[in-house]
Amino acid sequence: MKVIIPSPLHSYTGEKRSIEAAGATLAALLHDMDAQYPGMRFRIIDEQGNIRRHIKIFVNRQQVRSLDIELNANDEIVMVAALSGG
């Protein structure tokens, strides 16, 4: 499925803005992404196995907060990194 990658993570994908990855769940998809682009999962998931606070993940334009969500091959995944500063 197509995964849109936030700008701060483009260095992991060779500057690609989107990638193809597979998985029956969001957790499996992230493992596939990490297999293709080592180190990427750690930037998205924290040490407790939760989505990092500054990362928002949308499946078909609906924000998800659980890694257990089931995915279909035609789903579009969009990841957004929050901006901070002032």
PDB file of N, CA and C in Angstrom:
ATOM      1  N   MET A   1       0.839  -1.183   0.000  1.00  0.00           N
ATOM      2  CA  MET A   1       0.000   0.000   0.000  1.00  0.00           C
ATOM      3  C   MET A   1       0.879   1.241   0.000  1.00  0.00           C
ATOM      4  N   LYS A   2       0.313   2.338  -0.390  1.00  0.00           N
ATOM      5  CA  LYS A   2       1.056   3.588  -0.476  1.00  0.00           C
ATOM      6  C   LYS A   2       1.128   4.244   0.901  1.00  0.00           C
ATOM      7  N   VAL A   3       2.343   4.667   1.270  1.00  0.00           N
ATOM      8  CA  VAL A   3       2.567   5.341   2.546  1.00  0.00           C
ATOM      9  C   VAL A   3       3.227   6.682   2.253  1.00  0.00           C
ATOM     10  N   ILE A   4       2.577   7.768   2.647  1.00  0.00           N
ATOM     11  CA  ILE A   4       3.127   9.114   2.498  1.00  0.00           C
ATOM     12  C   ILE A   4       3.997   9.387   3.725  1.00  0.00           C
ATOM     13  N   ILE A   5       5.240   9.782   3.489  1.00  0.00           N
ATOM     14  CA  ILE A   5       6.237   9.943   4.546  1.00  0.00           C
ATOM     15  C   ILE A   5       6.419  11.428   4.869  1.00  0.00           C
ATOM     16  N   PRO A   6       6.453  11.796   6.157  1.00  0.00           N
ATOM     17  CA  PRO A   6       6.671  13.210   6.507  1.00  0.00           C
ATOM     18  C   PRO A   6       8.102  13.647   6.172  1.00  0.00           C
ATOM     19  N   SER A   7       8.268  14.906   5.873  1.00  0.00           N
ATOM     20  CA  SER A   7       9.573  15.465   5.478  1.00  0.00           C
ATOM     21  C   SER A   7      10.719  15.103   6.417  1.00  0.00           C
ATOM     22  N   PRO A   8      10.533  15.145   7.753  1.00  0.00           N
ATOM     23  CA  PRO A   8      11.657  14.814   8.628  1.00  0.00           C
ATOM     24  C   PRO A   8      12.183  13.386   8.475  1.00  0.00           C
ATOM     25  N   LEU A   9      11.413  12.498   7.841  1.00  0.00           N
ATOM     26  CA  LEU A   9      11.846  11.109   7.677  1.00  0.00           C
ATOM     27  C   LEU A   9      12.314  10.794   6.260  1.00  0.00           C
ATOM     28  N   HIS A  10      12.341  11.788   5.383  1.00  0.00           N
ATOM     29  CA  HIS A  10      12.772  11.557   4.008  1.00  0.00           C
ATOM     30  C   HIS A  10      14.216  11.073   3.924  1.00  0.00           C
ATOM     31  N   SER A  11      15.039  11.407   4.897  1.00  0.00           N
ATOM     32  CA  SER A  11      16.436  10.956   4.864  1.00  0.00           C
ATOM     33  C   SER A  11      16.520   9.427   4.964  1.00  0.00           C
ATOM     34  N   TYR A  12      15.517   8.785   5.572  1.00  0.00           N
ATOM     35  CA  TYR A  12      15.500   7.318   5.676  1.00  0.00           C
ATOM     36  C   TYR A  12      15.106   6.661   4.356  1.00  0.00           C
ATOM     37  N   THR A  13      14.329   7.371   3.553  1.00  0.00           N
ATOM     38  CA  THR A  13      13.790   6.795   2.316  1.00  0.00           C
ATOM     39  C   THR A  13      14.561   7.232   1.076  1.00  0.00           C
ATOM     40  N   GLY A  14      15.720   7.839   1.261  1.00  0.00           N
ATOM     41  CA  GLY A  14      16.447   8.343   0.102  1.00  0.00           C
ATOM     42  C   GLY A  14      15.734   9.522  -0.529  1.00  0.00           C
ATOM     43  N   GLU A  15      15.073  10.313   0.312  1.00  0.00           N
ATOM     44  CA  GLU A  15      14.332  11.514  -0.081  1.00  0.00           C
ATOM     45  C   GLU A  15      13.024  11.220  -0.810  1.00  0.00           C
ATOM     46  N   LYS A  16      12.559   9.983  -0.773  1.00  0.00           N
ATOM     47  CA  LYS A  16      11.253   9.654  -1.359  1.00  0.00           C
ATOM     48  C   LYS A  16      10.151  10.198  -0.466  1.00  0.00           C
ATOM     49  N   ARG A  17       9.141  10.802  -1.078  1.00  0.00           N
ATOM     50  CA  ARG A  17       8.007  11.336  -0.328  1.00  0.00           C
ATOM     51  C   ARG A  17       6.957  10.276  -0.017  1.00  0.00           C
ATOM     52  N   SER A  18       6.951   9.211  -0.806  1.00  0.00           N
ATOM     53  CA  SER A  18       6.037   8.100  -0.545  1.00  0.00           C
ATOM     54  C   SER A  18       6.746   6.794  -0.861  1.00  0.00           C
ATOM     55  N   ILE A  19       6.294   5.734  -0.205  1.00  0.00           N
ATOM     56  CA  ILE A  19       6.867   4.407  -0.405  1.00  0.00           C
ATOM     57  C   ILE A  19       5.733   3.400  -0.497  1.00  0.00           C
ATOM     58  N   GLU A  20       6.058   2.193  -0.910  1.00  0.00           N
ATOM     59  CA  GLU A  20       5.123   1.077  -0.881  1.00  0.00           C
ATOM     60  C   GLU A  20       5.544   0.153   0.253  1.00  0.00           C
ATOM     61  N   ALA A  21       4.584  -0.279   1.042  1.00  0.00           N
ATOM     62  CA  ALA A  21       4.849  -1.211   2.142  1.00  0.00           C
ATOM     63  C   ALA A  21       3.633  -2.105   2.298  1.00  0.00           C
ATOM     64  N   ALA A  22       3.805  -3.213   3.013  1.00  0.00           N
ATOM     65  CA  ALA A  22       2.717  -4.174   3.185  1.00  0.00           C
ATOM     66  C   ALA A  22       2.576  -4.553   4.652  1.00  0.00           C
ATOM     67  N   GLY A  23       1.365  -4.954   5.014  1.00  0.00           N
ATOM     68  CA  GLY A  23       1.105  -5.438   6.367  1.00  0.00           C
ATOM     69  C   GLY A  23      -0.384  -5.555   6.603  1.00  0.00           C
ATOM     70  N   ALA A  24      -0.786  -6.581   7.341  1.00  0.00           N
ATOM     71  CA  ALA A  24      -2.196  -6.788   7.656  1.00  0.00           C
ATOM     72  C   ALA A  24      -2.672  -5.819   8.737  1.00  0.00           C
ATOM     73  N   THR A  25      -1.724  -5.298   9.538  1.00  0.00           N
ATOM     74  CA  THR A  25      -2.031  -4.317  10.580  1.00  0.00           C
ATOM     75  C   THR A  25      -1.038  -3.163  10.451  1.00  0.00           C
ATOM     76  N   LEU A  26      -1.316  -2.089  11.155  1.00  0.00           N
ATOM     77  CA  LEU A  26      -0.391  -0.962  11.154  1.00  0.00           C
ATOM     78  C   LEU A  26       0.954  -1.381  11.729  1.00  0.00           C
ATOM     79  N   ALA A  27       0.959  -2.205  12.769  1.00  0.00           N
ATOM     80  CA  ALA A  27       2.212  -2.691  13.356  1.00  0.00           C
ATOM     81  C   ALA A  27       3.030  -3.464  12.324  1.00  0.00           C
ATOM     82  N   ALA A  28       2.384  -4.347  11.568  1.00  0.00           N
ATOM     83  CA  ALA A  28       3.077  -5.126  10.542  1.00  0.00           C
ATOM     84  C   ALA A  28       3.592  -4.224   9.431  1.00  0.00           C
ATOM     85  N   LEU A  29       2.822  -3.228   9.066  1.00  0.00           N
ATOM     86  CA  LEU A  29       3.252  -2.270   8.047  1.00  0.00           C
ATOM     87  C   LEU A  29       4.522  -1.548   8.497  1.00  0.00           C
ATOM     88  N   LEU A  30       4.565  -1.121   9.753  1.00  0.00           N
ATOM     89  CA  LEU A  30       5.740  -0.425  10.271  1.00  0.00           C
ATOM     90  C   LEU A  30       6.962  -1.337  10.302  1.00  0.00           C
ATOM     91  N   HIS A  31       6.761  -2.613  10.588  1.00  0.00           N
ATOM     92  CA  HIS A  31       7.879  -3.567  10.550  1.00  0.00           C
ATOM     93  C   HIS A  31       8.401  -3.721   9.123  1.00  0.00           C
ATOM     94  N   ASP A  32       7.495  -3.764   8.135  1.00  0.00           N
ATOM     95  CA  ASP A  32       7.908  -3.855   6.740  1.00  0.00           C
ATOM     96  C   ASP A  32       8.663  -2.595   6.327  1.00  0.00           C
ATOM     97  N   MET A  33       8.168  -1.439   6.742  1.00  0.00           N
ATOM     98  CA  MET A  33       8.861  -0.182   6.438  1.00  0.00           C
ATOM     99  C   MET A  33      10.263  -0.190   7.027  1.00  0.00           C
ATOM    100  N   ASP A  34      10.388  -0.682   8.260  1.00  0.00           N
ATOM    101  CA  ASP A  34      11.696  -0.709   8.927  1.00  0.00           C
ATOM    102  C   ASP A  34      12.639  -1.703   8.249  1.00  0.00           C
ATOM    103  N   ALA A  35      12.097  -2.780   7.705  1.00  0.00           N
ATOM    104  CA  ALA A  35      12.931  -3.747   6.979  1.00  0.00           C
ATOM    105  C   ALA A  35      13.485  -3.114   5.699  1.00  0.00           C
ATOM    106  N   GLN A  36      12.681  -2.279   5.064  1.00  0.00           N
ATOM    107  CA  GLN A  36      13.103  -1.606   3.839  1.00  0.00           C
ATOM    108  C   GLN A  36      13.994  -0.397   4.122  1.00  0.00           C
ATOM    109  N   TYR A  37      13.681   0.308   5.204  1.00  0.00           N
ATOM    110  CA  TYR A  37      14.365   1.550   5.559  1.00  0.00           C
ATOM    111  C   TYR A  37      14.742   1.482   7.041  1.00  0.00           C
ATOM    112  N   PRO A  38      15.844   0.804   7.369  1.00  0.00           N
ATOM    113  CA  PRO A  38      16.234   0.576   8.766  1.00  0.00           C
ATOM    114  C   PRO A  38      16.297   1.871   9.597  1.00  0.00           C
ATOM    115  N   GLY A  39      15.742   1.770  10.801  1.00  0.00           N
ATOM    116  CA  GLY A  39      15.748   2.886  11.736  1.00  0.00           C
ATOM    117  C   GLY A  39      14.501   3.736  11.682  1.00  0.00           C
ATOM    118  N   MET A  40      13.699   3.584  10.634  1.00  0.00           N
ATOM    119  CA  MET A  40      12.522   4.427  10.468  1.00  0.00           C
ATOM    120  C   MET A  40      11.473   4.177  11.551  1.00  0.00           C
ATOM    121  N   ARG A  41      11.240   2.920  11.910  1.00  0.00           N
ATOM    122  CA  ARG A  41      10.203   2.591  12.893  1.00  0.00           C
ATOM    123  C   ARG A  41      10.461   3.281  14.231  1.00  0.00           C
ATOM    124  N   PHE A  42      11.720   3.336  14.656  1.00  0.00           N
ATOM    125  CA  PHE A  42      12.049   3.974  15.929  1.00  0.00           C
ATOM    126  C   PHE A  42      11.690   5.455  15.932  1.00  0.00           C
ATOM    127  N   ARG A  43      11.681   6.084  14.786  1.00  0.00           N
ATOM    128  CA  ARG A  43      11.305   7.503  14.696  1.00  0.00           C
ATOM    129  C   ARG A  43       9.794   7.703  14.770  1.00  0.00           C
ATOM    130  N   ILE A  44       9.044   6.617  14.580  1.00  0.00           N
ATOM    131  CA  ILE A  44       7.580   6.684  14.578  1.00  0.00           C
ATOM    132  C   ILE A  44       6.994   6.106  15.866  1.00  0.00           C
ATOM    133  N   ILE A  45       7.618   5.047  16.381  1.00  0.00           N
ATOM    134  CA  ILE A  45       7.133   4.336  17.565  1.00  0.00           C
ATOM    135  C   ILE A  45       8.118   4.508  18.712  1.00  0.00           C
ATOM    136  N   ASP A  46       7.595   4.790  19.917  1.00  0.00           N
ATOM    137  CA  ASP A  46       8.478   5.004  21.066  1.00  0.00           C
ATOM    138  C   ASP A  46       8.881   3.673  21.720  1.00  0.00           C
ATOM    139  N   GLU A  47       9.634   3.768  22.807  1.00  0.00           N
ATOM    140  CA  GLU A  47      10.152   2.593  23.498  1.00  0.00           C
ATOM    141  C   GLU A  47       9.058   1.738  24.141  1.00  0.00           C
ATOM    142  N   GLN A  48       7.897   2.306  24.370  1.00  0.00           N
ATOM    143  CA  GLN A  48       6.778   1.572  24.946  1.00  0.00           C
ATOM    144  C   GLN A  48       5.873   0.955  23.874  1.00  0.00           C
ATOM    145  N   GLY A  49       6.225   1.144  22.620  1.00  0.00           N
ATOM    146  CA  GLY A  49       5.440   0.581  21.523  1.00  0.00           C
ATOM    147  C   GLY A  49       4.254   1.415  21.107  1.00  0.00           C
ATOM    148  N   ASN A  50       4.265   2.692  21.455  1.00  0.00           N
ATOM    149  CA  ASN A  50       3.181   3.611  21.097  1.00  0.00           C
ATOM    150  C   ASN A  50       3.633   4.562  19.999  1.00  0.00           C
ATOM    151  N   ILE A  51       2.653   5.092  19.266  1.00  0.00           N
ATOM    152  CA  ILE A  51       2.968   6.105  18.259  1.00  0.00           C
ATOM    153  C   ILE A  51       3.484   7.336  18.992  1.00  0.00           C
ATOM    154  N   ARG A  52       4.609   7.853  18.539  1.00  0.00           N
ATOM    155  CA  ARG A  52       5.189   9.038  19.189  1.00  0.00           C
ATOM    156  C   ARG A  52       4.208  10.203  19.146  1.00  0.00           C
ATOM    157  N   ARG A  53       4.265  11.026  20.179  1.00  0.00           N
ATOM    158  CA  ARG A  53       3.318  12.145  20.327  1.00  0.00           C
ATOM    159  C   ARG A  53       3.363  13.128  19.174  1.00  0.00           C
ATOM    160  N   HIS A  54       4.524  13.305  18.570  1.00  0.00           N
ATOM    161  CA  HIS A  54       4.641  14.285  17.494  1.00  0.00           C
ATOM    162  C   HIS A  54       4.332  13.707  16.108  1.00  0.00           C
ATOM    163  N   ILE A  55       3.957  12.428  16.056  1.00  0.00           N
ATOM    164  CA  ILE A  55       3.607  11.777  14.800  1.00  0.00           C
ATOM    165  C   ILE A  55       2.104  11.487  14.785  1.00  0.00           C
ATOM    166  N   LYS A  56       1.451  11.853  13.717  1.00  0.00           N
ATOM    167  CA  LYS A  56       0.036  11.524  13.507  1.00  0.00           C
ATOM    168  C   LYS A  56      -0.029  10.602  12.296  1.00  0.00           C
ATOM    169  N   ILE A  57      -0.828   9.551  12.405  1.00  0.00           N
ATOM    170  CA  ILE A  57      -0.977   8.591  11.314  1.00  0.00           C
ATOM    171  C   ILE A  57      -2.444   8.553  10.905  1.00  0.00           C
ATOM    172  N   PHE A  58      -2.674   8.659   9.604  1.00  0.00           N
ATOM    173  CA  PHE A  58      -4.015   8.643   9.049  1.00  0.00           C
ATOM    174  C   PHE A  58      -4.137   7.471   8.082  1.00  0.00           C
ATOM    175  N   VAL A  59      -5.208   6.719   8.209  1.00  0.00           N
ATOM    176  CA  VAL A  59      -5.528   5.643   7.280  1.00  0.00           C
ATOM    177  C   VAL A  59      -6.801   6.073   6.559  1.00  0.00           C
ATOM    178  N   ASN A  60      -6.672   6.257   5.257  1.00  0.00           N
ATOM    179  CA  ASN A  60      -7.811   6.738   4.453  1.00  0.00           C
ATOM    180  C   ASN A  60      -8.437   7.995   5.059  1.00  0.00           C
ATOM    181  N   ARG A  61      -7.574   8.912   5.458  1.00  0.00           N
ATOM    182  CA  ARG A  61      -7.948  10.240   5.995  1.00  0.00           C
ATOM    183  C   ARG A  61      -8.541  10.223   7.404  1.00  0.00           C
ATOM    184  N   GLN A  62      -8.520   9.077   8.070  1.00  0.00           N
ATOM    185  CA  GLN A  62      -8.996   8.971   9.447  1.00  0.00           C
ATOM    186  C   GLN A  62      -7.798   8.750  10.360  1.00  0.00           C
ATOM    187  N   GLN A  63      -7.639   9.621  11.374  1.00  0.00           N
ATOM    188  CA  GLN A  63      -6.513   9.465  12.286  1.00  0.00           C
ATOM    189  C   GLN A  63      -6.671   8.190  13.103  1.00  0.00           C
ATOM    190  N   VAL A  64      -5.565   7.458  13.235  1.00  0.00           N
ATOM    191  CA  VAL A  64      -5.555   6.234  14.040  1.00  0.00           C
ATOM    192  C   VAL A  64      -4.550   6.399  15.167  1.00  0.00           C
ATOM    193  N   ARG A  65      -4.812   5.720  16.274  1.00  0.00           N
ATOM    194  CA  ARG A  65      -3.931   5.807  17.434  1.00  0.00           C
ATOM    195  C   ARG A  65      -3.447   4.437  17.893  1.00  0.00           C
ATOM    196  N   SER A  66      -3.927   3.393  17.235  1.00  0.00           N
ATOM    197  CA  SER A  66      -3.594   2.028  17.638  1.00  0.00           C
ATOM    198  C   SER A  66      -2.820   1.328  16.528  1.00  0.00           C
ATOM    199  N   LEU A  67      -1.818   0.567  16.922  1.00  0.00           N
ATOM    200  CA  LEU A  67      -1.041  -0.209  15.955  1.00  0.00           C
ATOM    201  C   LEU A  67      -1.772  -1.476  15.540  1.00  0.00           C
ATOM    202  N   ASP A  68      -2.850  -1.815  16.232  1.00  0.00           N
ATOM    203  CA  ASP A  68      -3.598  -3.042  15.949  1.00  0.00           C
ATOM    204  C   ASP A  68      -4.622  -2.878  14.828  1.00  0.00           C
ATOM    205  N   ILE A  69      -4.791  -1.665  14.320  1.00  0.00           N
ATOM    206  CA  ILE A  69      -5.788  -1.437  13.281  1.00  0.00           C
ATOM    207  C   ILE A  69      -5.470  -2.298  12.060  1.00  0.00           C
ATOM    208  N   GLU A  70      -6.503  -2.947  11.516  1.00  0.00           N
ATOM    209  CA  GLU A  70      -6.326  -3.790  10.340  1.00  0.00           C
ATOM    210  C   GLU A  70      -6.279  -2.929   9.093  1.00  0.00           C
ATOM    211  N   LEU A  71      -5.445  -3.347   8.144  1.00  0.00           N
ATOM    212  CA  LEU A  71      -5.267  -2.612   6.899  1.00  0.00           C
ATOM    213  C   LEU A  71      -5.657  -3.469   5.705  1.00  0.00           C
ATOM    214  N   ASN A  72      -6.043  -2.798   4.629  1.00  0.00           N
ATOM    215  CA  ASN A  72      -6.334  -3.447   3.359  1.00  0.00           C
ATOM    216  C   ASN A  72      -5.305  -2.994   2.334  1.00  0.00           C
ATOM    217  N   ALA A  73      -5.078  -3.798   1.322  1.00  0.00           N
ATOM    218  CA  ALA A  73      -4.047  -3.513   0.319  1.00  0.00           C
ATOM    219  C   ALA A  73      -4.256  -2.186  -0.391  1.00  0.00           C
ATOM    220  N   ASN A  74      -5.480  -1.701  -0.487  1.00  0.00           N
ATOM    221  CA  ASN A  74      -5.746  -0.450  -1.196  1.00  0.00           C
ATOM    222  C   ASN A  74      -5.823   0.770  -0.279  1.00  0.00           C
ATOM    223  N   ASP A  75      -5.510   0.614   1.005  1.00  0.00           N
ATOM    224  CA  ASP A  75      -5.518   1.745   1.940  1.00  0.00           C
ATOM    225  C   ASP A  75      -4.391   2.715   1.628  1.00  0.00           C
ATOM    226  N   GLU A  76      -4.631   3.991   1.921  1.00  0.00           N
ATOM    227  CA  GLU A  76      -3.580   4.996   1.830  1.00  0.00           C
ATOM    228  C   GLU A  76      -3.223   5.424   3.242  1.00  0.00           C
ATOM    229  N   ILE A  77      -1.938   5.376   3.560  1.00  0.00           N
ATOM    230  CA  ILE A  77      -1.437   5.746   4.872  1.00  0.00           C
ATOM    231  C   ILE A  77      -0.688   7.064   4.738  1.00  0.00           C
ATOM    232  N   VAL A  78      -1.056   8.026   5.569  1.00  0.00           N
ATOM    233  CA  VAL A  78      -0.368   9.309   5.576  1.00  0.00           C
ATOM    234  C   VAL A  78       0.169   9.546   6.971  1.00  0.00           C
ATOM    235  N   MET A  79       1.467   9.833   7.043  1.00  0.00           N
ATOM    236  CA  MET A  79       2.102  10.147   8.324  1.00  0.00           C
ATOM    237  C   MET A  79       2.469  11.623   8.317  1.00  0.00           C
ATOM    238  N   VAL A  80       2.179  12.271   9.436  1.00  0.00           N
ATOM    239  CA  VAL A  80       2.429  13.699   9.565  1.00  0.00           C
ATOM    240  C   VAL A  80       3.263  13.917  10.816  1.00  0.00           C
ATOM    241  N   ALA A  81       4.310  14.699  10.691  1.00  0.00           N
ATOM    242  CA  ALA A  81       5.133  15.055  11.846  1.00  0.00           C
ATOM    243  C   ALA A  81       4.756  16.467  12.276  1.00  0.00           C
ATOM    244  N   ALA A  82       4.431  16.611  13.557  1.00  0.00           N
ATOM    245  CA  ALA A  82       4.053  17.921  14.092  1.00  0.00           C
ATOM    246  C   ALA A  82       5.269  18.846  14.083  1.00  0.00           C
ATOM    247  N   LEU A  83       5.013  20.107  13.831  1.00  0.00           N
ATOM    248  CA  LEU A  83       6.053  21.120  13.900  1.00  0.00           C
ATOM    249  C   LEU A  83       6.021  21.774  15.259  1.00  0.00           C
ATOM    250  N   SER A  84       7.179  22.149  15.752  1.00  0.00           N
ATOM    251  CA  SER A  84       7.225  22.831  17.030  1.00  0.00           C
ATOM    252  C   SER A  84       8.159  24.027  16.918  1.00  0.00           C
ATOM    253  N   GLY A  85       8.114  24.823  17.896  1.00  0.00           N
ATOM    254  CA  GLY A  85       8.960  26.020  17.886  1.00  0.00           C
ATOM    255  C   GLY A  85       8.123  27.253  18.168  1.00  0.00           C
ATOM    256  N   GLY A  86       8.726  28.377  18.065  1.00  0.00           N
ATOM    257  CA  GLY A  86       7.936  29.564  18.342  1.00  0.00           C
ATOM    258  C   GLY A  86       8.586  30.814  17.914  1.00  0.00           C
TER     259      GLY A  86
END
